[in-house]
Structure formats: structure tokens, C-alpha cells
Amino acid sequence: MNPVRALSVSELTLLVKSTLEEGFPAVLVEGEISNWRPASSGHVYFTLKDRDSQLDAVMFRGRASRLAFAPRDGQLVRATGALSVYAARGRYQLIVEAMERAGEGELLAALEERKRRLALEGLFDRERKRPIPRLPWRVGVVTSPTGAAIRDILSTLARRGAACDVVILPAAVQGAEAPSEIAARIRYANARALADVLIVGRGGGSLEDLLAFSDEEVVRAVASSGIPVISAVGHEIDWSLSDLAADHRAATPTAAAEFVSLGREELSASIAAADREIRDALRARLERAGLAIDRFRPDSLELQFRRIMQPLLQRLDDAKEGLVDAFAASTREARHRVELARGALEASDPDAVLARGYAVVTRVGGNGAAVRDAATLGPGSPLSIRFARGSASANVEEIRP
């Protein structure tokens, strides 16, 4: 009996590789994208999954750059490619040549439906949000006690010299038991008033890794928490429904720790700024008080009195000058009227008329009325003629009309 030659791992892997590549030179696979990881080289690594299985996949830079859409976790896609084996790890994978969207993934569809339903209940309303205390005495952290998130939070608080206690509320952050544990820790912290603020989160991961923080029980526990909650799930691009229900969303656990801590330098700067503001305010008040006191010095009072009296004195002088001018004008007008009256009186004086060569003729024996019409006389009528100096008697000899 010939002994069977033992194959090396490399030889067996090569046989499997050649069998797969020859047996599946081109396949069309439909599945949901998970753990989408673009590399700095331009290649993209991800997983295709359905309800029961998953398949590693890779898309090289040239093919990935020609995609007509931006793939993301949870999308349902159809990928065309060939099966191969990554010998270094002994894992088979799909080398994707082309990929197109097949519709919204079941996972994202479920999350969107849950998001809409909870939003209608008002769990994400801005009016529910409460301010986060800037100098909390005690910070509660709901996360895995062995994960990177708690290490980042503790190191950040220590580096910034935060003068606060940290209460770690351990909970699984991934897996079937994670949602109930996270929600239970939030309720426990509230029941015993263990903290002034709660940080609920974990480090980064795929959409499936972060599902616990989008679970309805967790979202409701965050929204109903009496202690303000900061959601710090994953990296900046990651998201969960807890982000929407929390009072504040931090991009990372480190950012959450920075938000609740006030470093020594910041505190010192705030105190210095407050000191400057107080000094400036006191200086301004003293200056205003000095100006107010200056108003009551003798020279200042005299100046103020002069300022008050000057317009009055000016008005008095103006009125006096106005009266003098009016009196002079009235005197000139009266004098002019007197002169006019004198002239008129002199012009109407009979003696003045006679002095210009006129004479007054009256009938002798009459009533002394002057004769104005020659037709009233007859021949031989005796007349008396008065001149400016003296008078004469005469008889009418001839009458001419």
C-alpha cells in the first residue's frame, strides 16, 4: 500500500485556488455591502452579506474609480467578478470587476423605517435637548470596559486635567445582548443619579457593529434619560439613531471627553479674561464717577451757571436792543407825521394863501361869506376886499361871466 503523500498548506491552497478560479471564472452575486473600507492605494475591501452568509470582496483601484455611485454600508448591490483565494490567509474572496446598485439594503431600510417612526413620536425633537454641563463633577460612561473608547475618554480627561470623577457603566457594545445592556446601564445611572452627564458610545466599526446604538430600546432609554446624554458612537462619518435622540452628538469618544472637560489652560484663560473684564468695568465706573464729581467743582459749577445764563442774557440784550430800535423807529415815524401835518396845516392857513397874492372878496353888509361866483353880483354892488396886509372897499362896475 503506497502511503498518501501529505500536501503542504501552500499546495492545498493552490489546488483550492485553481479549482475555484477554473470553476467560477465569472459570477454575478447579489448582497448587502458591509464594512466598506477604501485603502490609501485606491483599492476597496468590503463584505457582501445576506441573512445567513457573507463573502469577502475586493475591488481594485481601476475598477473602483469607474463606479457610477458612492457605495456605503447597507446598500444592496449586484457584483460581477471571479472567485479567487487569498493564499496568505487561506480565505476565498470575490474579485469584483463591476458593481451596480440593486436597491436599498434591508438593514438601512429597517433603520430608516425605525428613524421615521421614532421621529413621529418626537424623540428627536430639538425642544427635548438639554444643555450639557460644562464643568460636571461626575461623568458616567456607558461602553465596553475593555474597548478603545474608554481608554480614549480616560486619557483625554487626564490630559486636560479635568477635575471630575468618572463612573464606568460596563456594557457590551456589539452583539445580541448589547442593546439591553446599554439601555439597562442608562436606566441604572438615572435611577441612582450616578452622574451629571452620560457619555454613551464606542469606537468605530461597520454599520452592523454599531447596530446596538440604533436599537429602539437604546434610543428610547437615551431620549427618556433625566441625565443629559452625549452620543459618541464610532468615528466622525459613523452614525446611529442614538445620535439623534441624545442631547449632544460627539464625532468620537475623544471629542465627547473634550466637550465635558475644561482644561487647566482654558480655565486659566477664562479666569484671566474675567479678571480683565472686571478691572475694565471698575475702571470705567471710576472714570464715570470722577466725571460726575467734576461737575460739582466751583469752576465747573460756574461754567455750568454761565452756560445756563448766557442764552438768557443774550436774549435780554437782544430784547433791549430791539426795544431801543423800535422806539427810535416809532419816534422817527411820529416826527415825520408831525412834519407832514404841519405842512398840511400851513398849506391850509388862509393867511398863507393871502400871502401868495390871493384876496378874499365879501359883500358889504352881507353875512361875511366870500363871493365865489361873479354872477351873484350886480353893477354898483359894494364889496370889501381883504389882502394879506390890509383891506379895501370897491363897487362893481362891470360883470363878465
Foldseek 3Di string as FASTA:
>chain_A
DDDDDDDDLLRVLVVVFVCQCVVWVKDKDKFFWKPWDQDPQQKIWTWGDDPPDIFTEIEDRVQVVPAPDDDAGQFIKIFMFGWGAPSVVRGIHGHTNHMDTPGGGPVVVVLVVLLVVVVVVVLLPLVLADDQDQQWQEEEEEEAPPAPLVVLLVVLCVVQVRNHHYHYQHAYQADDRRLVSSLVSLVVCQVVVVIQEYEYEHEAGMPNSRVSCQDPSNSVSQLPRPRQYEYAYYAQPDDHSNCSNGSHYARHSNRVSVRNGHGPVNVVVVVVVVVVVVVVVVVVVVVVVVVVVVCPDPVNVVVVVCVVCVVVVVVVVVVVVVVVVVVVVVVVVVVVVVVVVVVVVLVPDVLNVLVVPDKFKDFVVDPPDGDDDLVVDDFQGWIWIGGSPGIDIDTHHDGDD
